[in-house]
N, C-alpha and C. Protein backbone atom coordinates (compact mmCIF):
# COMPACT_ATOMS: atom_id res chain seq x y z
N MET A 1 0.83 -1.18 0.00
CA MET A 1 0.00 0.00 0.00
C MET A 1 0.88 1.25 0.00
N ALA A 2 0.49 2.24 -0.78
CA ALA A 2 1.30 3.45 -0.92
C ALA A 2 1.19 4.30 0.34
N ASP A 3 2.31 4.85 0.77
CA ASP A 3 2.24 5.73 1.93
C ASP A 3 1.83 7.14 1.51
N ASN A 4 1.63 8.00 2.48
CA ASN A 4 1.12 9.35 2.22
C ASN A 4 2.02 10.16 1.30
N SER A 5 3.33 10.02 1.45
CA SER A 5 4.23 10.81 0.60
C SER A 5 4.12 10.38 -0.86
N GLN A 6 3.91 9.10 -1.12
CA GLN A 6 3.73 8.63 -2.49
C GLN A 6 2.41 9.15 -3.07
N LYS A 7 1.38 9.15 -2.25
CA LYS A 7 0.07 9.66 -2.70
C LYS A 7 0.17 11.15 -3.02
N MET A 8 0.84 11.89 -2.12
CA MET A 8 0.99 13.33 -2.34
C MET A 8 1.80 13.61 -3.59
N SER A 9 2.84 12.82 -3.80
CA SER A 9 3.68 12.99 -4.99
C SER A 9 2.87 12.70 -6.25
N TYR A 10 2.06 11.66 -6.20
CA TYR A 10 1.21 11.32 -7.35
C TYR A 10 0.24 12.45 -7.65
N HIS A 11 -0.42 12.96 -6.62
CA HIS A 11 -1.40 14.04 -6.81
C HIS A 11 -0.73 15.33 -7.28
N ALA A 12 0.47 15.59 -6.81
CA ALA A 12 1.21 16.77 -7.26
C ALA A 12 1.53 16.64 -8.74
N GLY A 13 1.96 15.45 -9.16
CA GLY A 13 2.25 15.23 -10.57
C GLY A 13 1.00 15.34 -11.42
N GLU A 14 -0.10 14.83 -10.90
CA GLU A 14 -1.38 14.91 -11.61
C GLU A 14 -1.80 16.38 -11.77
N ALA A 15 -1.68 17.16 -10.71
CA ALA A 15 -2.04 18.58 -10.76
C ALA A 15 -1.14 19.33 -11.73
N LYS A 16 0.15 18.99 -11.72
CA LYS A 16 1.09 19.63 -12.64
C LYS A 16 0.72 19.34 -14.09
N GLY A 17 0.37 18.10 -14.38
CA GLY A 17 -0.05 17.73 -15.74
C GLY A 17 -1.29 18.47 -16.18
N GLN A 18 -2.25 18.61 -15.27
CA GLN A 18 -3.48 19.34 -15.60
C GLN A 18 -3.18 20.82 -15.84
N ALA A 19 -2.31 21.40 -15.04
CA ALA A 19 -1.95 22.81 -15.22
C ALA A 19 -1.24 23.01 -16.56
N GLN A 20 -0.37 22.08 -16.92
CA GLN A 20 0.33 22.19 -18.20
C GLN A 20 -0.65 22.08 -19.36
N GLU A 21 -1.62 21.20 -19.24
CA GLU A 21 -2.64 21.04 -20.29
C GLU A 21 -3.46 22.31 -20.45
N LYS A 22 -3.85 22.90 -19.33
CA LYS A 22 -4.63 24.15 -19.37
C LYS A 22 -3.80 25.27 -19.99
N ALA A 23 -2.54 25.35 -19.62
CA ALA A 23 -1.66 26.39 -20.17
C ALA A 23 -1.50 26.20 -21.67
N SER A 24 -1.35 24.96 -22.09
CA SER A 24 -1.21 24.67 -23.53
C SER A 24 -2.47 25.07 -24.28
N ASN A 25 -3.63 24.74 -23.72
CA ASN A 25 -4.90 25.12 -24.36
C ASN A 25 -5.05 26.63 -24.45
N MET A 26 -4.64 27.34 -23.40
CA MET A 26 -4.72 28.80 -23.42
C MET A 26 -3.80 29.38 -24.48
N MET A 27 -2.61 28.81 -24.62
CA MET A 27 -1.67 29.29 -25.64
C MET A 27 -2.23 29.05 -27.04
N ASP A 28 -2.86 27.89 -27.24
CA ASP A 28 -3.47 27.60 -28.54
C ASP A 28 -4.57 28.61 -28.85
N LYS A 29 -5.40 28.91 -27.87
CA LYS A 29 -6.48 29.87 -28.07
C LYS A 29 -5.91 31.26 -28.37
N THR A 30 -4.85 31.63 -27.66
CA THR A 30 -4.22 32.92 -27.88
C THR A 30 -3.64 33.00 -29.28
N CYS A 31 -2.98 31.96 -29.72
CA CYS A 31 -2.41 31.93 -31.07
C CYS A 31 -3.50 32.00 -32.12
N ASN A 32 -4.59 31.29 -31.91
CA ASN A 32 -5.71 31.33 -32.85
C ASN A 32 -6.32 32.72 -32.92
N ALA A 33 -6.46 33.37 -31.77
CA ALA A 33 -7.02 34.72 -31.73
C ALA A 33 -6.08 35.70 -32.45
N ALA A 34 -4.78 35.54 -32.24
CA ALA A 34 -3.82 36.42 -32.90
C ALA A 34 -3.85 36.22 -34.41
N GLN A 35 -3.96 34.98 -34.86
CA GLN A 35 -4.03 34.70 -36.29
C GLN A 35 -5.29 35.30 -36.90
N SER A 36 -6.41 35.17 -36.19
CA SER A 36 -7.67 35.73 -36.68
C SER A 36 -7.57 37.26 -36.78
N ALA A 37 -6.97 37.87 -35.77
CA ALA A 37 -6.80 39.32 -35.79
C ALA A 37 -5.91 39.75 -36.95
N LYS A 38 -4.86 39.01 -37.19
CA LYS A 38 -3.95 39.32 -38.30
C LYS A 38 -4.70 39.25 -39.64
N GLU A 39 -5.47 38.18 -39.82
CA GLU A 39 -6.22 38.02 -41.06
C GLU A 39 -7.25 39.14 -41.23
N TYR A 40 -7.91 39.50 -40.14
CA TYR A 40 -8.90 40.59 -40.18
C TYR A 40 -8.23 41.90 -40.58
N MET A 41 -7.08 42.18 -39.99
CA MET A 41 -6.39 43.42 -40.29
C MET A 41 -5.90 43.45 -41.75
N GLN A 42 -5.47 42.30 -42.26
CA GLN A 42 -5.05 42.25 -43.66
C GLN A 42 -6.23 42.51 -44.59
N GLU A 43 -7.38 41.92 -44.28
CA GLU A 43 -8.58 42.16 -45.10
C GLU A 43 -8.99 43.62 -45.05
N THR A 44 -8.97 44.18 -43.85
CA THR A 44 -9.34 45.59 -43.68
C THR A 44 -8.37 46.48 -44.44
N GLY A 45 -7.10 46.16 -44.36
CA GLY A 45 -6.09 46.93 -45.09
C GLY A 45 -6.33 46.89 -46.59
N GLN A 46 -6.69 45.73 -47.11
CA GLN A 46 -6.97 45.61 -48.55
C GLN A 46 -8.21 46.42 -48.92
N GLN A 47 -9.23 46.41 -48.06
CA GLN A 47 -10.44 47.19 -48.33
C GLN A 47 -10.13 48.68 -48.34
N VAL A 48 -9.36 49.13 -47.36
CA VAL A 48 -9.00 50.55 -47.29
C VAL A 48 -8.17 50.93 -48.51
N LYS A 49 -7.23 50.08 -48.88
CA LYS A 49 -6.39 50.34 -50.05
C LYS A 49 -7.26 50.49 -51.30
N GLY A 50 -8.24 49.61 -51.45
CA GLY A 50 -9.15 49.71 -52.59
C GLY A 50 -9.97 50.98 -52.58
N GLN A 51 -10.42 51.38 -51.39
CA GLN A 51 -11.20 52.61 -51.28
C GLN A 51 -10.36 53.83 -51.61
N VAL A 52 -9.13 53.85 -51.13
CA VAL A 52 -8.22 54.98 -51.42
C VAL A 52 -7.93 55.04 -52.92
N GLN A 53 -7.69 53.90 -53.52
CA GLN A 53 -7.41 53.87 -54.96
C GLN A 53 -8.63 54.36 -55.74
N GLY A 54 -9.82 53.93 -55.30
CA GLY A 54 -11.05 54.38 -55.95
C GLY A 54 -11.23 55.89 -55.83
N ALA A 55 -10.93 56.42 -54.65
CA ALA A 55 -11.04 57.86 -54.44
C ALA A 55 -10.03 58.61 -55.30
N ALA A 56 -8.82 58.09 -55.38
CA ALA A 56 -7.79 58.73 -56.21
C ALA A 56 -8.20 58.72 -57.68
N ASP A 57 -8.76 57.61 -58.13
CA ASP A 57 -9.22 57.53 -59.51
C ASP A 57 -10.37 58.51 -59.77
N ALA A 58 -11.25 58.65 -58.79
CA ALA A 58 -12.38 59.59 -58.94
C ALA A 58 -11.85 61.02 -59.06
N VAL A 59 -10.85 61.35 -58.26
CA VAL A 59 -10.27 62.71 -58.33
C VAL A 59 -9.61 62.91 -59.69
N LYS A 60 -8.89 61.91 -60.16
CA LYS A 60 -8.23 62.01 -61.46
C LYS A 60 -9.28 62.19 -62.56
N ASP A 61 -10.38 61.45 -62.48
CA ASP A 61 -11.45 61.59 -63.47
C ASP A 61 -12.05 62.98 -63.41
N ALA A 62 -12.29 63.46 -62.22
CA ALA A 62 -12.93 64.77 -62.06
C ALA A 62 -12.04 65.91 -62.53
N THR A 63 -10.75 65.74 -62.40
CA THR A 63 -9.83 66.81 -62.78
C THR A 63 -9.25 66.62 -64.17
N GLY A 64 -9.62 65.54 -64.81
CA GLY A 64 -9.12 65.28 -66.16
C GLY A 64 -7.69 64.80 -66.19
N MET A 65 -7.18 64.33 -65.10
CA MET A 65 -5.79 63.86 -65.04
C MET A 65 -5.65 62.41 -65.48
N LYS A 66 -6.73 61.69 -65.57
CA LYS A 66 -6.66 60.27 -65.94
C LYS A 66 -6.65 60.15 -67.45
N LYS A 67 -5.74 59.39 -67.94
CA LYS A 67 -5.63 59.22 -69.39
C LYS A 67 -5.90 57.81 -69.78
């Protein structure tokens, strides 16, 4: 039969494993959130770029600068 120190050691190892699993899951979630934010910002940047280009073309058309 296991003595108290062996039981405590087992439970400490079990708790450590659970904490590591939780930390790993949190890191995965953080990485996924960062990737989603990056993709969102890239899409937004492309939309803004298109809008600026459209505005520049409209100004060129209005001023007769577009050939």
